[in-house]
Amino acid sequence: MIRPELAARLRPWREVLAAVAVGLGGAWIASWGGLFFQPLGLAILAVAAVWGVGARRRMRFRAEIAAPGLVEVEEGAVRYFGARLLGGEVPLRELAEIRLLRLNGHPHWRLRTRDGEALLIPVEAAGAAALADAFETLPGFDLGAAAAALAGRETVTTVWRRR
């Protein structure tokens, strides 16, 4: 029903578009007026706005799968199963620093633990978009700064450091 080219262009925006649709529904319900429907519609609109802003920020973490390996985030740990790069596991509570490195023109997350061990994860690996939600749980992590680092061209950017 939708042309494949258009579907491919809209695919990265699907979560933002869903938030907009929910927001429009909330505005429509709020327009009914009254002591019940107006606050309900405004509450739905507020939730949709927060969801939409978060979805827009997470968009930068979604990249075409162009790197080997698989990223999993389970039970407070980040796991990377690499084909060429070494894989490993880093518990989020042990993280000391997150850096974004550009190696051969491809962005990689470098997760360093308190012990000095490091895990290198390509941004373009399958499942790497789940890192946005995992990183958001870290104290003081700024998702906007991480999205800006992904959009930038710096070779090394420190995105987060435990204080």
C-alpha atoms as a PDB file:
ATOM      1  CA  MET A   1       0.000   0.000   0.000  1.00  0.00           C
ATOM      2  CA  ILE A   2       2.883   2.376   0.783  1.00  0.00           C
ATOM      3  CA  ARG A   3       5.661   2.674  -1.747  1.00  0.00           C
ATOM      4  CA  PRO A   4       8.856   0.907  -0.620  1.00  0.00           C
ATOM      5  CA  GLU A   5      10.934   4.090  -1.009  1.00  0.00           C
ATOM      6  CA  LEU A   6       8.558   6.054   1.220  1.00  0.00           C
ATOM      7  CA  ALA A   7       8.406   3.237   3.774  1.00  0.00           C
ATOM      8  CA  ALA A   8      12.213   3.156   3.927  1.00  0.00           C
ATOM      9  CA  ARG A   9      12.358   6.935   4.492  1.00  0.00           C
ATOM     10  CA  LEU A  10       9.707   6.840   7.237  1.00  0.00           C
ATOM     11  CA  ARG A  11      11.061   3.757   9.056  1.00  0.00           C
ATOM     12  CA  PRO A  12      13.548   5.677  11.268  1.00  0.00           C
ATOM     13  CA  TRP A  13      10.766   8.087  12.245  1.00  0.00           C
ATOM     14  CA  ARG A  14       8.187   5.430  13.206  1.00  0.00           C
ATOM     15  CA  GLU A  15       8.463   5.936  16.986  1.00  0.00           C
ATOM     16  CA  VAL A  16       8.309   9.732  16.646  1.00  0.00           C
ATOM     17  CA  LEU A  17       5.300   9.440  14.321  1.00  0.00           C
ATOM     18  CA  ALA A  18       3.569   7.124  16.804  1.00  0.00           C
ATOM     19  CA  ALA A  19       4.121   9.712  19.558  1.00  0.00           C
ATOM     20  CA  VAL A  20       2.696  12.429  17.300  1.00  0.00           C
ATOM     21  CA  ALA A  21      -0.365  10.255  16.583  1.00  0.00           C
ATOM     22  CA  VAL A  22      -0.936   9.663  20.302  1.00  0.00           C
ATOM     23  CA  GLY A  23      -0.483  13.398  20.946  1.00  0.00           C
ATOM     24  CA  LEU A  24      -3.051  14.263  18.294  1.00  0.00           C
ATOM     25  CA  GLY A  25      -5.436  11.772  19.893  1.00  0.00           C
ATOM     26  CA  GLY A  26      -4.865  13.420  23.261  1.00  0.00           C
ATOM     27  CA  ALA A  27      -5.511  16.875  21.799  1.00  0.00           C
ATOM     28  CA  TRP A  28      -8.707  15.597  20.203  1.00  0.00           C
ATOM     29  CA  ILE A  29      -9.905  14.134  23.514  1.00  0.00           C
ATOM     30  CA  ALA A  30      -9.005  17.394  25.312  1.00  0.00           C
ATOM     31  CA  SER A  31     -11.100  19.329  22.776  1.00  0.00           C
ATOM     32  CA  TRP A  32     -14.211  17.520  24.019  1.00  0.00           C
ATOM     33  CA  GLY A  33     -14.010  19.645  27.171  1.00  0.00           C
ATOM     34  CA  GLY A  34     -15.469  18.848  30.527  1.00  0.00           C
ATOM     35  CA  LEU A  35     -13.967  18.000  33.887  1.00  0.00           C
ATOM     36  CA  PHE A  36     -12.995  14.485  32.833  1.00  0.00           C
ATOM     37  CA  PHE A  37     -12.034  14.557  29.159  1.00  0.00           C
ATOM     38  CA  GLN A  38     -10.028  17.789  29.096  1.00  0.00           C
ATOM     39  CA  PRO A  39      -7.539  16.754  31.840  1.00  0.00           C
ATOM     40  CA  LEU A  40      -7.375  13.236  30.391  1.00  0.00           C
ATOM     41  CA  GLY A  41      -6.580  14.585  26.926  1.00  0.00           C
ATOM     42  CA  LEU A  42      -3.973  17.000  28.289  1.00  0.00           C
ATOM     43  CA  ALA A  43      -2.331  14.180  30.261  1.00  0.00           C
ATOM     44  CA  ILE A  44      -2.182  12.026  27.121  1.00  0.00           C
ATOM     45  CA  LEU A  45      -0.746  14.974  25.208  1.00  0.00           C
ATOM     46  CA  ALA A  46       1.951  15.518  27.867  1.00  0.00           C
ATOM     47  CA  VAL A  47       2.929  11.832  27.863  1.00  0.00           C
ATOM     48  CA  ALA A  48       3.102  11.870  24.061  1.00  0.00           C
ATOM     49  CA  ALA A  49       5.321  14.974  24.111  1.00  0.00           C
ATOM     50  CA  VAL A  50       7.792  13.367  26.529  1.00  0.00           C
ATOM     51  CA  TRP A  51       7.718  10.151  24.486  1.00  0.00           C
ATOM     52  CA  GLY A  52       8.294  12.075  21.246  1.00  0.00           C
ATOM     53  CA  VAL A  53      11.288  14.004  22.597  1.00  0.00           C
ATOM     54  CA  GLY A  54      12.859  10.789  23.887  1.00  0.00           C
ATOM     55  CA  ALA A  55      12.157   9.002  20.613  1.00  0.00           C
ATOM     56  CA  ARG A  56      13.793  11.795  18.637  1.00  0.00           C
ATOM     57  CA  ARG A  57      16.911  11.620  20.799  1.00  0.00           C
ATOM     58  CA  ARG A  58      17.097   7.826  20.472  1.00  0.00           C
ATOM     59  CA  MET A  59      16.924   8.073  16.674  1.00  0.00           C
ATOM     60  CA  ARG A  60      20.670   8.788  16.464  1.00  0.00           C
ATOM     61  CA  PHE A  61      21.403   5.488  18.179  1.00  0.00           C
ATOM     62  CA  ARG A  62      19.639   3.570  15.423  1.00  0.00           C
ATOM     63  CA  ALA A  63      22.004   2.956  12.547  1.00  0.00           C
ATOM     64  CA  GLU A  64      21.949   0.641   9.578  1.00  0.00           C
ATOM     65  CA  ILE A  65      23.468  -2.697  10.523  1.00  0.00           C
ATOM     66  CA  ALA A  66      26.813  -2.452   8.764  1.00  0.00           C
ATOM     67  CA  ALA A  67      29.189  -3.913  11.347  1.00  0.00           C
ATOM     68  CA  PRO A  68      29.588  -7.510  12.449  1.00  0.00           C
ATOM     69  CA  GLY A  69      28.497  -8.631  15.870  1.00  0.00           C
ATOM     70  CA  LEU A  70      25.490  -8.518  18.147  1.00  0.00           C
ATOM     71  CA  VAL A  71      24.760  -6.318  21.171  1.00  0.00           C
ATOM     72  CA  GLU A  72      22.552  -7.464  24.045  1.00  0.00           C
ATOM     73  CA  VAL A  73      21.482  -5.530  27.115  1.00  0.00           C
ATOM     74  CA  GLU A  74      20.163  -7.849  29.808  1.00  0.00           C
ATOM     75  CA  GLU A  75      20.004  -7.770  33.595  1.00  0.00           C
ATOM     76  CA  GLY A  76      22.087  -4.616  33.933  1.00  0.00           C
ATOM     77  CA  ALA A  77      24.905  -5.790  31.675  1.00  0.00           C
ATOM     78  CA  VAL A  78      25.976  -4.940  28.131  1.00  0.00           C
ATOM     79  CA  ARG A  79      27.156  -7.909  26.077  1.00  0.00           C
ATOM     80  CA  TYR A  80      28.836  -7.728  22.698  1.00  0.00           C
ATOM     81  CA  PHE A  81      29.351 -10.849  20.636  1.00  0.00           C
ATOM     82  CA  GLY A  82      31.910  -9.820  18.039  1.00  0.00           C
ATOM     83  CA  ALA A  83      32.878 -11.509  14.822  1.00  0.00           C
ATOM     84  CA  ARG A  84      36.074  -9.561  14.157  1.00  0.00           C
ATOM     85  CA  LEU A  85      36.469  -7.475  17.309  1.00  0.00           C
ATOM     86  CA  LEU A  86      36.752  -9.177  20.646  1.00  0.00           C
ATOM     87  CA  GLY A  87      33.463  -9.472  22.443  1.00  0.00           C
ATOM     88  CA  GLY A  88      32.758  -9.272  26.124  1.00  0.00           C
ATOM     89  CA  GLU A  89      30.422  -8.222  28.895  1.00  0.00           C
ATOM     90  CA  VAL A  90      30.387  -5.102  31.056  1.00  0.00           C
ATOM     91  CA  PRO A  91      27.992  -4.659  33.997  1.00  0.00           C
ATOM     92  CA  LEU A  92      26.487  -1.161  33.930  1.00  0.00           C
ATOM     93  CA  ARG A  93      27.201  -0.681  37.648  1.00  0.00           C
ATOM     94  CA  GLU A  94      30.936  -1.203  36.931  1.00  0.00           C
ATOM     95  CA  LEU A  95      31.159   1.386  34.147  1.00  0.00           C
ATOM     96  CA  ALA A  96      33.549   4.256  34.751  1.00  0.00           C
ATOM     97  CA  GLU A  97      33.562   5.960  31.347  1.00  0.00           C
ATOM     98  CA  ILE A  98      31.867   5.926  27.943  1.00  0.00           C
ATOM     99  CA  ARG A  99      33.660   7.314  24.915  1.00  0.00           C
ATOM    100  CA  LEU A 100      32.711   7.535  21.268  1.00  0.00           C
ATOM    101  CA  LEU A 101      35.660   6.707  19.000  1.00  0.00           C
ATOM    102  CA  ARG A 102      35.856   6.905  15.225  1.00  0.00           C
ATOM    103  CA  LEU A 103      38.026   4.094  13.888  1.00  0.00           C
ATOM    104  CA  ASN A 104      38.511   3.953  10.107  1.00  0.00           C
ATOM    105  CA  GLY A 105      35.539   6.298   9.744  1.00  0.00           C
ATOM    106  CA  HIS A 106      33.172   4.063  11.741  1.00  0.00           C
ATOM    107  CA  PRO A 107      31.888   5.077  15.199  1.00  0.00           C
ATOM    108  CA  HIS A 108      32.459   2.735  18.154  1.00  0.00           C
ATOM    109  CA  TRP A 109      31.400   2.932  21.795  1.00  0.00           C
ATOM    110  CA  ARG A 110      34.281   2.321  24.209  1.00  0.00           C
ATOM    111  CA  LEU A 111      32.968   1.216  27.591  1.00  0.00           C
ATOM    112  CA  ARG A 112      35.646   1.262  30.307  1.00  0.00           C
ATOM    113  CA  THR A 113      35.148  -0.315  33.723  1.00  0.00           C
ATOM    114  CA  ARG A 114      36.543   0.825  37.067  1.00  0.00           C
ATOM    115  CA  ASP A 115      39.205  -1.896  36.728  1.00  0.00           C
ATOM    116  CA  GLY A 116      40.408  -0.393  33.436  1.00  0.00           C
ATOM    117  CA  GLU A 117      39.007  -3.122  31.188  1.00  0.00           C
ATOM    118  CA  ALA A 118      37.443  -1.825  27.984  1.00  0.00           C
ATOM    119  CA  LEU A 119      34.826  -3.127  25.586  1.00  0.00           C
ATOM    120  CA  LEU A 120      34.663  -1.746  22.046  1.00  0.00           C
ATOM    121  CA  ILE A 121      31.210  -1.895  20.404  1.00  0.00           C
ATOM    122  CA  PRO A 122      30.513  -0.704  16.840  1.00  0.00           C
ATOM    123  CA  VAL A 123      27.572   1.711  16.684  1.00  0.00           C
ATOM    124  CA  GLU A 124      26.481  -0.089  13.505  1.00  0.00           C
ATOM    125  CA  ALA A 125      26.291  -3.555  15.145  1.00  0.00           C
ATOM    126  CA  ALA A 126      22.963  -5.363  15.400  1.00  0.00           C
ATOM    127  CA  GLY A 127      21.146  -4.423  18.599  1.00  0.00           C
ATOM    128  CA  ALA A 128      23.333  -1.384  19.346  1.00  0.00           C
ATOM    129  CA  ALA A 129      20.237   0.850  19.498  1.00  0.00           C
ATOM    130  CA  ALA A 130      19.406  -0.786  22.854  1.00  0.00           C
ATOM    131  CA  LEU A 131      22.452   0.951  24.328  1.00  0.00           C
ATOM    132  CA  ALA A 132      20.520   4.248  24.446  1.00  0.00           C
ATOM    133  CA  ASP A 133      18.094   2.879  27.028  1.00  0.00           C
ATOM    134  CA  ALA A 134      20.917   1.213  28.969  1.00  0.00           C
ATOM    135  CA  PHE A 135      23.005   4.389  29.042  1.00  0.00           C
ATOM    136  CA  GLU A 136      20.023   6.455  30.225  1.00  0.00           C
ATOM    137  CA  THR A 137      19.990   4.500  33.492  1.00  0.00           C
ATOM    138  CA  LEU A 138      23.483   5.764  34.367  1.00  0.00           C
ATOM    139  CA  PRO A 139      23.602   8.682  36.841  1.00  0.00           C
ATOM    140  CA  GLY A 140      24.207  11.983  35.067  1.00  0.00           C
ATOM    141  CA  PHE A 141      24.127  10.546  31.540  1.00  0.00           C
ATOM    142  CA  ASP A 142      22.942  13.103  28.957  1.00  0.00           C
ATOM    143  CA  LEU A 143      21.313  11.418  25.967  1.00  0.00           C
ATOM    144  CA  GLY A 144      21.333  14.714  24.059  1.00  0.00           C
ATOM    145  CA  ALA A 145      25.118  14.983  24.414  1.00  0.00           C
ATOM    146  CA  ALA A 146      25.525  11.405  23.198  1.00  0.00           C
ATOM    147  CA  ALA A 147      23.297  12.103  20.191  1.00  0.00           C
ATOM    148  CA  ALA A 148      25.338  15.230  19.421  1.00  0.00           C
ATOM    149  CA  ALA A 149      28.559  13.194  19.625  1.00  0.00           C
ATOM    150  CA  LEU A 150      27.130  10.676  17.154  1.00  0.00           C
ATOM    151  CA  ALA A 151      26.239  13.506  14.768  1.00  0.00           C
ATOM    152  CA  GLY A 152      29.656  15.149  15.154  1.00  0.00           C
ATOM    153  CA  ARG A 153      32.938  14.302  13.459  1.00  0.00           C
ATOM    154  CA  GLU A 154      35.354  14.311  16.426  1.00  0.00           C
ATOM    155  CA  THR A 155      37.727  11.345  16.600  1.00  0.00           C
ATOM    156  CA  VAL A 156      37.374  10.870  20.369  1.00  0.00           C
ATOM    157  CA  THR A 157      34.528  12.210  22.508  1.00  0.00           C
ATOM    158  CA  THR A 158      34.019  11.429  26.182  1.00  0.00           C
ATOM    159  CA  VAL A 159      30.255  11.082  26.515  1.00  0.00           C
ATOM    160  CA  TRP A 160      29.964  10.110  30.182  1.00  0.00           C
ATOM    161  CA  ARG A 161      32.226   9.669  33.200  1.00  0.00           C
ATOM    162  CA  ARG A 162      31.241   8.341  36.635  1.00  0.00           C
ATOM    163  CA  ARG A 163      31.797  10.890  39.395  1.00  0.00           C
END
